[in-house]
Amino acid sequence: MTMTEVTKDPTTALDGAPEIQYTIPGMKLADGAQVVKNLQERLNALTDLHLTLKHVHWNVVGPNFIGVHEMIDPQVDAVREMADSVAERIAAMGGSPVGTPGHLVSQRSWEDYSIGRAGTTEHLGALDLVYQGVIADYRAAIESVGEIDPITEDMLIDHSTDLEQFHWFVRAHLENAGGQVSSAGATSEVQAAAQAGDKRFGV
């Protein structure tokens, strides 16, 4: 078995990153580079997510503190494992996973999590919005790599299963008996936190 040969016009996997010189046997170099690009974007999101979750774990206060505090840590651990599996997949495909803070900040399309010390419902309202973004981007990545690399697709599907369950755990705290979610329709973390903390909602 031989590695995929380098073409005369090697593809750059990431802006500012070295060109990939090989990829998975049987896969075109350009396809491998595209999958690596998608995976690096997922690695950025997962790294940001597990740091954000830990921030929430440290900063929740008020009623239901211990339940939410203890609910978050297993999510942190699971998301860190997802990030590790994504990084190792990038390396297996001939890429160089980048996990530095500076790279994350320069490449991400979102701002830092904006809620500091706050009540459990406020943080969960903001996390509802965070998970919406992560999951939507994961689904787009699954669709993008699906016809190129079923192995990566399977990994991302497995991750999505857990991420969507974690999102459900968050939303269950925000949902009333009629199925309404207090943070629904919010377009910012601050707005989602404010809506979730609104006692008029009656959760």
Protein backbone atom coordinates (compact mmCIF):
# COMPACT_ATOMS: atom_id res chain seq x y z
CA MET A 1 0.00 0.00 0.00
CA THR A 2 1.23 3.47 -0.85
CA MET A 3 0.16 6.89 0.33
CA THR A 4 -1.68 9.19 -2.05
CA GLU A 5 0.86 10.93 -4.29
CA VAL A 6 1.40 14.68 -3.98
CA THR A 7 0.11 16.58 -7.00
CA LYS A 8 1.88 19.50 -8.65
CA ASP A 9 -0.71 21.80 -7.12
CA PRO A 10 -0.93 20.66 -3.49
CA THR A 11 -3.97 21.82 -1.57
CA THR A 12 -3.67 24.01 1.49
CA ALA A 13 -5.85 22.52 4.21
CA LEU A 14 -6.09 25.65 6.36
CA ASP A 15 -5.27 29.30 5.89
CA GLY A 16 -1.71 29.78 7.08
CA ALA A 17 -1.18 26.08 7.78
CA PRO A 18 1.27 23.79 5.95
CA GLU A 19 -0.04 22.03 2.85
CA ILE A 20 -0.96 18.41 3.45
CA GLN A 21 1.48 16.09 1.74
CA TYR A 22 -0.58 12.90 1.97
CA THR A 23 -3.97 11.71 3.10
CA ILE A 24 -5.89 8.48 3.63
CA PRO A 25 -5.09 5.81 1.01
CA GLY A 26 -7.73 5.78 -1.71
CA MET A 27 -8.74 9.40 -1.10
CA LYS A 28 -7.86 12.30 -3.36
CA LEU A 29 -5.52 14.82 -1.80
CA ALA A 30 -7.95 17.69 -2.37
CA ASP A 31 -10.74 15.71 -0.71
CA GLY A 32 -8.51 14.94 2.25
CA ALA A 33 -7.66 18.62 2.59
CA GLN A 34 -11.34 19.54 2.55
CA VAL A 35 -12.11 17.03 5.30
CA VAL A 36 -9.16 18.33 7.35
CA LYS A 37 -10.51 21.86 6.97
CA ASN A 38 -13.93 20.75 8.23
CA LEU A 39 -12.37 18.87 11.11
CA GLN A 40 -10.24 21.83 12.18
CA GLU A 41 -13.39 23.93 12.33
CA ARG A 42 -15.00 21.27 14.55
CA LEU A 43 -11.85 21.17 16.71
CA ASN A 44 -12.08 24.95 17.18
CA ALA A 45 -15.74 24.69 18.17
CA LEU A 46 -15.21 21.77 20.55
CA THR A 47 -12.25 23.42 22.25
CA ASP A 48 -14.30 26.56 22.75
CA LEU A 49 -17.29 24.54 23.96
CA HIS A 50 -15.49 22.55 26.66
CA LEU A 51 -13.86 25.74 27.97
CA THR A 52 -17.24 27.48 27.98
CA LEU A 53 -18.89 24.58 29.78
CA LYS A 54 -16.19 24.64 32.45
CA HIS A 55 -16.69 28.40 32.82
CA VAL A 56 -20.40 27.78 33.40
CA HIS A 57 -19.60 25.00 35.88
CA TRP A 58 -17.56 27.50 37.91
CA ASN A 59 -19.98 30.42 37.68
CA VAL A 60 -23.50 29.08 38.27
CA VAL A 61 -25.19 30.20 41.48
CA GLY A 62 -28.62 30.11 43.03
CA PRO A 63 -31.42 27.52 43.14
CA ASN A 64 -30.58 24.13 41.57
CA PHE A 65 -26.88 25.04 41.76
CA ILE A 66 -25.60 21.58 42.66
CA GLY A 67 -27.70 19.79 40.03
CA VAL A 68 -26.53 22.07 37.22
CA HIS A 69 -22.96 22.25 38.54
CA GLU A 70 -22.71 18.45 38.52
CA MET A 71 -24.56 18.05 35.21
CA ILE A 72 -22.01 20.18 33.37
CA ASP A 73 -18.78 18.36 34.28
CA PRO A 74 -19.56 15.09 32.42
CA GLN A 75 -20.34 17.23 29.38
CA VAL A 76 -16.94 18.91 29.73
CA ASP A 77 -15.19 15.52 29.82
CA ALA A 78 -17.15 14.17 26.85
CA VAL A 79 -16.52 17.24 24.70
CA ARG A 80 -12.80 17.11 25.51
CA GLU A 81 -12.75 13.50 24.28
CA MET A 82 -14.53 14.58 21.10
CA ALA A 83 -11.89 17.26 20.54
CA ASP A 84 -9.15 14.66 21.00
CA SER A 85 -10.71 12.27 18.50
CA VAL A 86 -11.13 15.07 15.95
CA ALA A 87 -7.50 16.18 16.39
CA GLU A 88 -6.23 12.62 15.97
CA ARG A 89 -8.36 12.19 12.84
CA ILE A 90 -6.81 15.35 11.39
CA ALA A 91 -3.34 13.93 12.05
CA ALA A 92 -4.26 10.55 10.53
CA MET A 93 -5.40 12.34 7.39
CA GLY A 94 -2.07 14.11 6.97
CA GLY A 95 -3.04 17.39 8.59
CA SER A 96 -1.62 19.18 11.59
CA PRO A 97 -4.29 19.83 14.23
CA VAL A 98 -4.01 23.29 15.75
CA GLY A 99 -5.14 23.67 19.34
CA THR A 100 -3.53 26.93 20.40
CA PRO A 101 -5.68 29.72 21.93
CA GLY A 102 -4.46 32.29 19.41
CA HIS A 103 -5.47 30.15 16.46
CA LEU A 104 -8.89 29.49 17.96
CA VAL A 105 -9.54 33.19 18.51
CA SER A 106 -8.33 34.14 15.02
CA GLN A 107 -10.35 31.46 13.23
CA ARG A 108 -13.66 31.35 15.06
CA SER A 109 -16.74 33.18 13.77
CA TRP A 110 -18.25 33.78 17.22
CA GLU A 111 -17.44 35.90 20.25
CA ASP A 112 -16.47 34.73 23.74
CA TYR A 113 -19.23 33.45 25.99
CA SER A 114 -20.65 36.60 27.53
CA ILE A 115 -22.22 35.54 30.85
CA GLY A 116 -20.20 35.68 34.07
CA ARG A 117 -21.49 34.83 37.52
CA ALA A 118 -25.23 34.25 37.11
CA GLY A 119 -28.12 32.05 38.13
CA THR A 120 -28.54 28.54 36.82
CA THR A 121 -31.46 29.39 34.55
CA GLU A 122 -29.60 32.35 33.04
CA HIS A 123 -26.57 30.21 32.23
CA LEU A 124 -28.71 27.41 30.85
CA GLY A 125 -30.58 29.88 28.65
CA ALA A 126 -27.28 31.08 27.23
CA LEU A 127 -26.03 27.50 26.82
CA ASP A 128 -29.17 26.67 24.85
CA LEU A 129 -28.02 29.19 22.25
CA VAL A 130 -24.43 27.91 22.36
CA TYR A 131 -25.52 24.33 21.73
CA GLN A 132 -27.81 25.41 18.90
CA GLY A 133 -24.83 26.89 17.06
CA VAL A 134 -22.50 23.96 17.70
CA ILE A 135 -25.07 21.36 16.65
CA ALA A 136 -26.15 23.24 13.51
CA ASP A 137 -22.51 23.53 12.41
CA TYR A 138 -21.91 19.84 13.18
CA ARG A 139 -24.84 18.86 10.97
CA ALA A 140 -23.48 21.02 8.15
CA ALA A 141 -20.07 19.37 8.54
CA ILE A 142 -21.65 15.90 8.44
CA GLU A 143 -23.37 16.78 5.18
CA SER A 144 -20.17 18.26 3.75
CA VAL A 145 -17.95 15.24 4.44
CA GLY A 146 -20.59 12.56 3.91
CA GLU A 147 -19.85 11.83 0.26
CA ILE A 148 -16.08 12.20 0.71
CA ASP A 149 -15.23 10.25 3.85
CA PRO A 150 -17.75 7.95 5.57
CA ILE A 151 -15.30 7.26 8.41
CA THR A 152 -15.16 10.91 9.41
CA GLU A 153 -18.91 11.16 8.85
CA ASP A 154 -19.50 8.31 11.33
CA MET A 155 -17.32 10.00 13.94
CA LEU A 156 -19.16 13.30 13.58
CA ILE A 157 -22.53 11.53 13.78
CA ASP A 158 -21.46 9.86 17.03
CA HIS A 159 -20.44 13.24 18.42
CA SER A 160 -23.72 14.79 17.32
CA THR A 161 -25.69 12.12 19.15
CA ASP A 162 -24.06 13.12 22.44
CA LEU A 163 -24.15 16.87 21.75
CA GLU A 164 -27.87 16.72 20.98
CA GLN A 165 -28.47 14.77 24.19
CA PHE A 166 -26.52 17.37 26.19
CA HIS A 167 -28.62 20.08 24.55
CA TRP A 168 -31.75 18.24 25.62
CA PHE A 169 -30.47 18.14 29.22
CA VAL A 170 -30.03 21.91 29.08
CA ARG A 171 -33.39 22.58 27.47
CA ALA A 172 -35.23 20.34 29.94
CA HIS A 173 -34.45 22.94 32.61
CA LEU A 174 -35.90 25.69 30.42
CA GLU A 175 -39.06 23.95 29.24
CA ASN A 176 -42.51 24.28 30.76
CA ALA A 177 -45.27 21.67 30.82
CA GLY A 178 -46.60 22.97 27.51
CA GLY A 179 -43.31 22.32 25.74
CA GLN A 180 -42.27 25.98 25.51
CA VAL A 181 -38.57 26.76 25.97
CA SER A 182 -37.98 30.02 27.82
CA SER A 183 -34.98 31.02 25.69
CA ALA A 184 -36.70 30.35 22.36
CA GLY A 185 -36.16 33.02 19.73
CA ALA A 186 -33.22 34.67 21.48
CA THR A 187 -30.48 35.89 19.19
CA SER A 188 -27.77 36.57 21.77
CA GLU A 189 -26.55 34.89 24.94
CA VAL A 190 -27.52 37.94 26.98
CA GLN A 191 -31.05 37.88 25.57
CA ALA A 192 -31.35 34.11 26.09
CA ALA A 193 -30.15 34.44 29.69
CA ALA A 194 -32.61 37.26 30.36
CA GLN A 195 -35.54 35.32 28.89
CA ALA A 196 -34.64 32.18 30.83
CA GLY A 197 -34.47 34.14 34.07
CA ASP A 198 -37.84 35.83 33.50
CA LYS A 199 -40.08 34.61 36.31
CA ARG A 200 -43.16 35.46 34.25
CA PHE A 201 -42.44 32.45 32.07
CA GLY A 202 -43.46 30.24 34.97
CA VAL A 203 -40.94 27.40 34.79
